[in-house]
Amino acid sequence: MTWNKLACLSFFSIIVLNGCTGSEIAPNNATQTGAVTGALAGSVIGYNTKGHHKGKRAAIGAVAGAATGALIGNAIDNSTPPPEDTSGWHE
């Protein structure tokens, strides 16, 4: 698989899986989105670094990326106020 195909496939996977944690289910879910996006990006970066043991580097990159993405997402969730309930009648 060439570099261009791998990059396109990785980018498409990140976009598709990022949509799996939509805001319609849980309004403050940047932690989940950050973890998934970070894991995908970290595994791609780890796999494409030079050297032997590509699978091991991809796994390490995925764990590091997931942790970093979750930390950043958690900070975003904590700084974002909860959404107001605008459905139905309010008295």
N, C-alpha and C. Protein backbone atom coordinates (compact mmCIF):
# COMPACT_ATOMS: atom_id res chain seq x y z
N MET A 1 0.86 -1.17 0.00
CA MET A 1 0.00 0.00 0.00
C MET A 1 0.91 1.23 0.00
N THR A 2 0.64 2.13 -0.89
CA THR A 2 1.48 3.33 -0.99
C THR A 2 1.12 4.31 0.13
N TRP A 3 2.01 5.26 0.32
CA TRP A 3 1.84 6.26 1.37
C TRP A 3 0.56 7.06 1.17
N ASN A 4 0.27 7.44 -0.09
CA ASN A 4 -0.93 8.25 -0.36
C ASN A 4 -2.21 7.49 -0.04
N LYS A 5 -2.25 6.21 -0.40
CA LYS A 5 -3.44 5.41 -0.10
C LYS A 5 -3.61 5.24 1.40
N LEU A 6 -2.50 5.00 2.09
CA LEU A 6 -2.56 4.82 3.53
C LEU A 6 -3.00 6.12 4.22
N ALA A 7 -2.50 7.24 3.77
CA ALA A 7 -2.88 8.53 4.36
C ALA A 7 -4.36 8.82 4.12
N CYS A 8 -4.84 8.55 2.93
CA CYS A 8 -6.27 8.78 2.63
C CYS A 8 -7.16 7.86 3.44
N LEU A 9 -6.77 6.58 3.55
CA LEU A 9 -7.54 5.63 4.33
C LEU A 9 -7.56 6.02 5.81
N SER A 10 -6.43 6.45 6.33
CA SER A 10 -6.34 6.87 7.73
C SER A 10 -7.20 8.10 7.98
N PHE A 11 -7.12 9.07 7.10
CA PHE A 11 -7.91 10.29 7.26
C PHE A 11 -9.40 9.97 7.22
N PHE A 12 -9.82 9.14 6.28
CA PHE A 12 -11.22 8.76 6.16
C PHE A 12 -11.68 8.01 7.41
N SER A 13 -10.83 7.12 7.94
CA SER A 13 -11.19 6.37 9.15
C SER A 13 -11.37 7.29 10.34
N ILE A 14 -10.51 8.28 10.46
CA ILE A 14 -10.62 9.22 11.57
C ILE A 14 -11.93 9.99 11.47
N ILE A 15 -12.27 10.44 10.28
CA ILE A 15 -13.51 11.20 10.10
C ILE A 15 -14.73 10.34 10.42
N VAL A 16 -14.74 9.10 9.93
CA VAL A 16 -15.89 8.23 10.14
C VAL A 16 -16.03 7.87 11.62
N LEU A 17 -14.94 7.46 12.26
CA LEU A 17 -15.03 7.06 13.66
C LEU A 17 -15.25 8.25 14.58
N ASN A 18 -14.83 9.41 14.18
CA ASN A 18 -15.07 10.61 14.96
C ASN A 18 -16.57 10.90 15.04
N GLY A 19 -17.30 10.56 14.00
CA GLY A 19 -18.74 10.76 13.98
C GLY A 19 -19.50 9.78 14.85
N CYS A 20 -18.84 8.73 15.31
CA CYS A 20 -19.50 7.73 16.15
C CYS A 20 -19.81 8.24 17.54
N THR A 21 -19.23 9.32 17.94
CA THR A 21 -19.51 9.89 19.26
C THR A 21 -20.20 11.23 19.07
N GLY A 22 -21.35 11.22 18.43
CA GLY A 22 -22.07 12.44 18.11
C GLY A 22 -22.65 13.12 19.32
N SER A 23 -22.87 14.42 19.21
CA SER A 23 -23.36 15.21 20.34
C SER A 23 -24.83 14.96 20.63
N GLU A 24 -25.54 14.24 19.76
CA GLU A 24 -26.94 13.98 20.03
C GLU A 24 -27.13 12.97 21.15
N ILE A 25 -26.12 12.18 21.47
CA ILE A 25 -26.22 11.19 22.54
C ILE A 25 -25.80 11.81 23.87
N ALA A 26 -24.63 12.37 23.90
CA ALA A 26 -24.10 13.00 25.11
C ALA A 26 -23.53 14.35 24.73
N PRO A 27 -24.05 15.42 25.30
CA PRO A 27 -23.61 16.75 24.87
C PRO A 27 -22.15 17.06 25.17
N ASN A 28 -21.62 16.55 26.27
CA ASN A 28 -20.22 16.82 26.62
C ASN A 28 -19.41 15.54 26.41
N ASN A 29 -19.00 15.30 25.19
CA ASN A 29 -18.28 14.06 24.90
C ASN A 29 -16.96 14.31 24.19
N ALA A 30 -16.34 15.44 24.43
CA ALA A 30 -15.06 15.72 23.80
C ALA A 30 -13.99 14.75 24.30
N THR A 31 -14.16 14.21 25.50
CA THR A 31 -13.20 13.23 26.02
C THR A 31 -13.21 11.98 25.15
N GLN A 32 -14.38 11.48 24.82
CA GLN A 32 -14.50 10.29 23.97
C GLN A 32 -13.98 10.56 22.57
N THR A 33 -14.38 11.68 22.02
CA THR A 33 -13.94 12.03 20.67
C THR A 33 -12.43 12.21 20.62
N GLY A 34 -11.87 12.86 21.62
CA GLY A 34 -10.42 13.05 21.67
C GLY A 34 -9.67 11.74 21.80
N ALA A 35 -10.20 10.82 22.60
CA ALA A 35 -9.54 9.53 22.78
C ALA A 35 -9.53 8.72 21.48
N VAL A 36 -10.67 8.69 20.79
CA VAL A 36 -10.75 7.93 19.53
C VAL A 36 -9.86 8.56 18.47
N THR A 37 -9.95 9.86 18.31
CA THR A 37 -9.14 10.54 17.31
C THR A 37 -7.65 10.43 17.64
N GLY A 38 -7.30 10.58 18.89
CA GLY A 38 -5.91 10.46 19.30
C GLY A 38 -5.35 9.06 19.08
N ALA A 39 -6.16 8.05 19.37
CA ALA A 39 -5.72 6.67 19.16
C ALA A 39 -5.47 6.39 17.69
N LEU A 40 -6.37 6.84 16.84
CA LEU A 40 -6.18 6.63 15.40
C LEU A 40 -4.96 7.37 14.88
N ALA A 41 -4.85 8.63 15.26
CA ALA A 41 -3.70 9.41 14.79
C ALA A 41 -2.39 8.85 15.34
N GLY A 42 -2.38 8.48 16.61
CA GLY A 42 -1.17 7.93 17.21
C GLY A 42 -0.74 6.62 16.60
N SER A 43 -1.71 5.76 16.27
CA SER A 43 -1.35 4.48 15.65
C SER A 43 -0.80 4.68 14.24
N VAL A 44 -1.37 5.61 13.50
CA VAL A 44 -0.86 5.88 12.15
C VAL A 44 0.55 6.47 12.23
N ILE A 45 0.75 7.41 13.13
CA ILE A 45 2.08 8.02 13.26
C ILE A 45 3.09 6.97 13.74
N GLY A 46 2.71 6.15 14.73
CA GLY A 46 3.62 5.13 15.22
C GLY A 46 3.97 4.10 14.16
N TYR A 47 2.99 3.71 13.36
CA TYR A 47 3.23 2.73 12.31
C TYR A 47 4.17 3.27 11.24
N ASN A 48 4.08 4.54 10.95
CA ASN A 48 4.85 5.13 9.86
C ASN A 48 6.22 5.66 10.28
N THR A 49 6.61 5.51 11.54
CA THR A 49 7.95 5.91 11.93
C THR A 49 8.94 4.85 11.46
N LYS A 50 10.19 5.26 11.30
CA LYS A 50 11.20 4.35 10.77
C LYS A 50 11.64 3.35 11.83
N GLY A 51 12.03 2.17 11.37
CA GLY A 51 12.53 1.14 12.27
C GLY A 51 11.75 -0.15 12.13
N HIS A 52 12.09 -1.09 13.00
CA HIS A 52 11.43 -2.40 12.99
C HIS A 52 10.26 -2.39 13.96
N HIS A 53 9.50 -3.48 13.98
CA HIS A 53 8.38 -3.68 14.90
C HIS A 53 7.29 -2.63 14.70
N LYS A 54 6.77 -2.54 13.48
CA LYS A 54 5.75 -1.53 13.18
C LYS A 54 4.50 -1.71 14.02
N GLY A 55 4.10 -2.95 14.27
CA GLY A 55 2.90 -3.19 15.07
C GLY A 55 3.05 -2.71 16.50
N LYS A 56 4.22 -2.94 17.07
CA LYS A 56 4.48 -2.50 18.44
C LYS A 56 4.47 -0.98 18.52
N ARG A 57 5.09 -0.32 17.54
CA ARG A 57 5.11 1.14 17.54
C ARG A 57 3.70 1.70 17.32
N ALA A 58 2.89 1.02 16.49
CA ALA A 58 1.52 1.48 16.26
C ALA A 58 0.70 1.36 17.55
N ALA A 59 0.90 0.27 18.29
CA ALA A 59 0.16 0.09 19.55
C ALA A 59 0.58 1.13 20.58
N ILE A 60 1.87 1.40 20.69
CA ILE A 60 2.35 2.42 21.63
C ILE A 60 1.81 3.79 21.23
N GLY A 61 1.83 4.09 19.94
CA GLY A 61 1.29 5.36 19.47
C GLY A 61 -0.19 5.49 19.74
N ALA A 62 -0.94 4.38 19.60
CA ALA A 62 -2.38 4.41 19.85
C ALA A 62 -2.67 4.71 21.32
N VAL A 63 -1.92 4.07 22.20
CA VAL A 63 -2.14 4.30 23.64
C VAL A 63 -1.77 5.74 24.01
N ALA A 64 -0.63 6.20 23.52
CA ALA A 64 -0.21 7.57 23.83
C ALA A 64 -1.18 8.59 23.24
N GLY A 65 -1.62 8.35 22.01
CA GLY A 65 -2.56 9.27 21.38
C GLY A 65 -3.91 9.28 22.07
N ALA A 66 -4.39 8.11 22.50
CA ALA A 66 -5.68 8.04 23.20
C ALA A 66 -5.61 8.79 24.53
N ALA A 67 -4.51 8.60 25.24
CA ALA A 67 -4.36 9.29 26.53
C ALA A 67 -4.29 10.81 26.34
N THR A 68 -3.51 11.24 25.36
CA THR A 68 -3.38 12.67 25.11
C THR A 68 -4.71 13.27 24.64
N GLY A 69 -5.37 12.59 23.71
CA GLY A 69 -6.66 13.07 23.21
C GLY A 69 -7.71 13.12 24.29
N ALA A 70 -7.72 12.13 25.18
CA ALA A 70 -8.70 12.12 26.27
C ALA A 70 -8.44 13.24 27.25
N LEU A 71 -7.17 13.53 27.54
CA LEU A 71 -6.85 14.64 28.45
C LEU A 71 -7.28 15.98 27.87
N ILE A 72 -7.01 16.18 26.59
CA ILE A 72 -7.41 17.43 25.95
C ILE A 72 -8.93 17.53 25.88
N GLY A 73 -9.59 16.44 25.51
CA GLY A 73 -11.05 16.43 25.45
C GLY A 73 -11.69 16.67 26.81
N ASN A 74 -11.10 16.10 27.84
CA ASN A 74 -11.62 16.30 29.20
C ASN A 74 -11.51 17.77 29.60
N ALA A 75 -10.42 18.40 29.25
CA ALA A 75 -10.26 19.83 29.55
C ALA A 75 -11.32 20.65 28.81
N ILE A 76 -11.62 20.27 27.58
CA ILE A 76 -12.66 20.97 26.81
C ILE A 76 -14.03 20.74 27.45
N ASP A 77 -14.32 19.48 27.84
CA ASP A 77 -15.60 19.18 28.49
C ASP A 77 -15.78 19.99 29.77
N ASN A 78 -14.71 20.12 30.55
CA ASN A 78 -14.81 20.84 31.82
C ASN A 78 -14.96 22.34 31.63
N SER A 79 -14.49 22.87 30.50
CA SER A 79 -14.59 24.32 30.27
C SER A 79 -15.86 24.71 29.52
N THR A 80 -16.59 23.75 29.02
CA THR A 80 -17.81 24.02 28.26
C THR A 80 -19.02 23.92 29.20
N PRO A 81 -19.85 24.96 29.24
CA PRO A 81 -21.04 24.87 30.11
C PRO A 81 -22.03 23.85 29.56
N PRO A 82 -22.82 23.23 30.44
CA PRO A 82 -23.79 22.25 29.97
C PRO A 82 -24.87 22.93 29.12
N PRO A 83 -25.41 22.22 28.15
CA PRO A 83 -26.44 22.83 27.29
C PRO A 83 -27.75 23.03 28.05
N GLU A 84 -28.49 24.03 27.62
CA GLU A 84 -29.79 24.30 28.23
C GLU A 84 -30.84 23.43 27.57
N ASP A 85 -31.82 23.01 28.35
CA ASP A 85 -32.91 22.21 27.82
C ASP A 85 -33.92 23.16 27.17
N THR A 86 -34.04 23.09 25.86
CA THR A 86 -34.95 23.97 25.13
C THR A 86 -36.15 23.22 24.56
N SER A 87 -36.33 21.99 25.00
CA SER A 87 -37.46 21.20 24.46
C SER A 87 -38.67 21.29 25.37
N GLY A 88 -39.83 21.24 24.78
CA GLY A 88 -41.08 21.18 25.54
C GLY A 88 -41.48 22.50 26.18
N TRP A 89 -42.50 22.40 27.01
CA TRP A 89 -43.02 23.58 27.70
C TRP A 89 -42.25 23.84 28.96
N HIS A 90 -42.04 25.12 29.23
CA HIS A 90 -41.39 25.52 30.47
C HIS A 90 -42.28 26.50 31.20
N GLU A 91 -42.50 26.26 32.47
CA GLU A 91 -43.37 27.16 33.23
C GLU A 91 -42.58 28.01 34.16
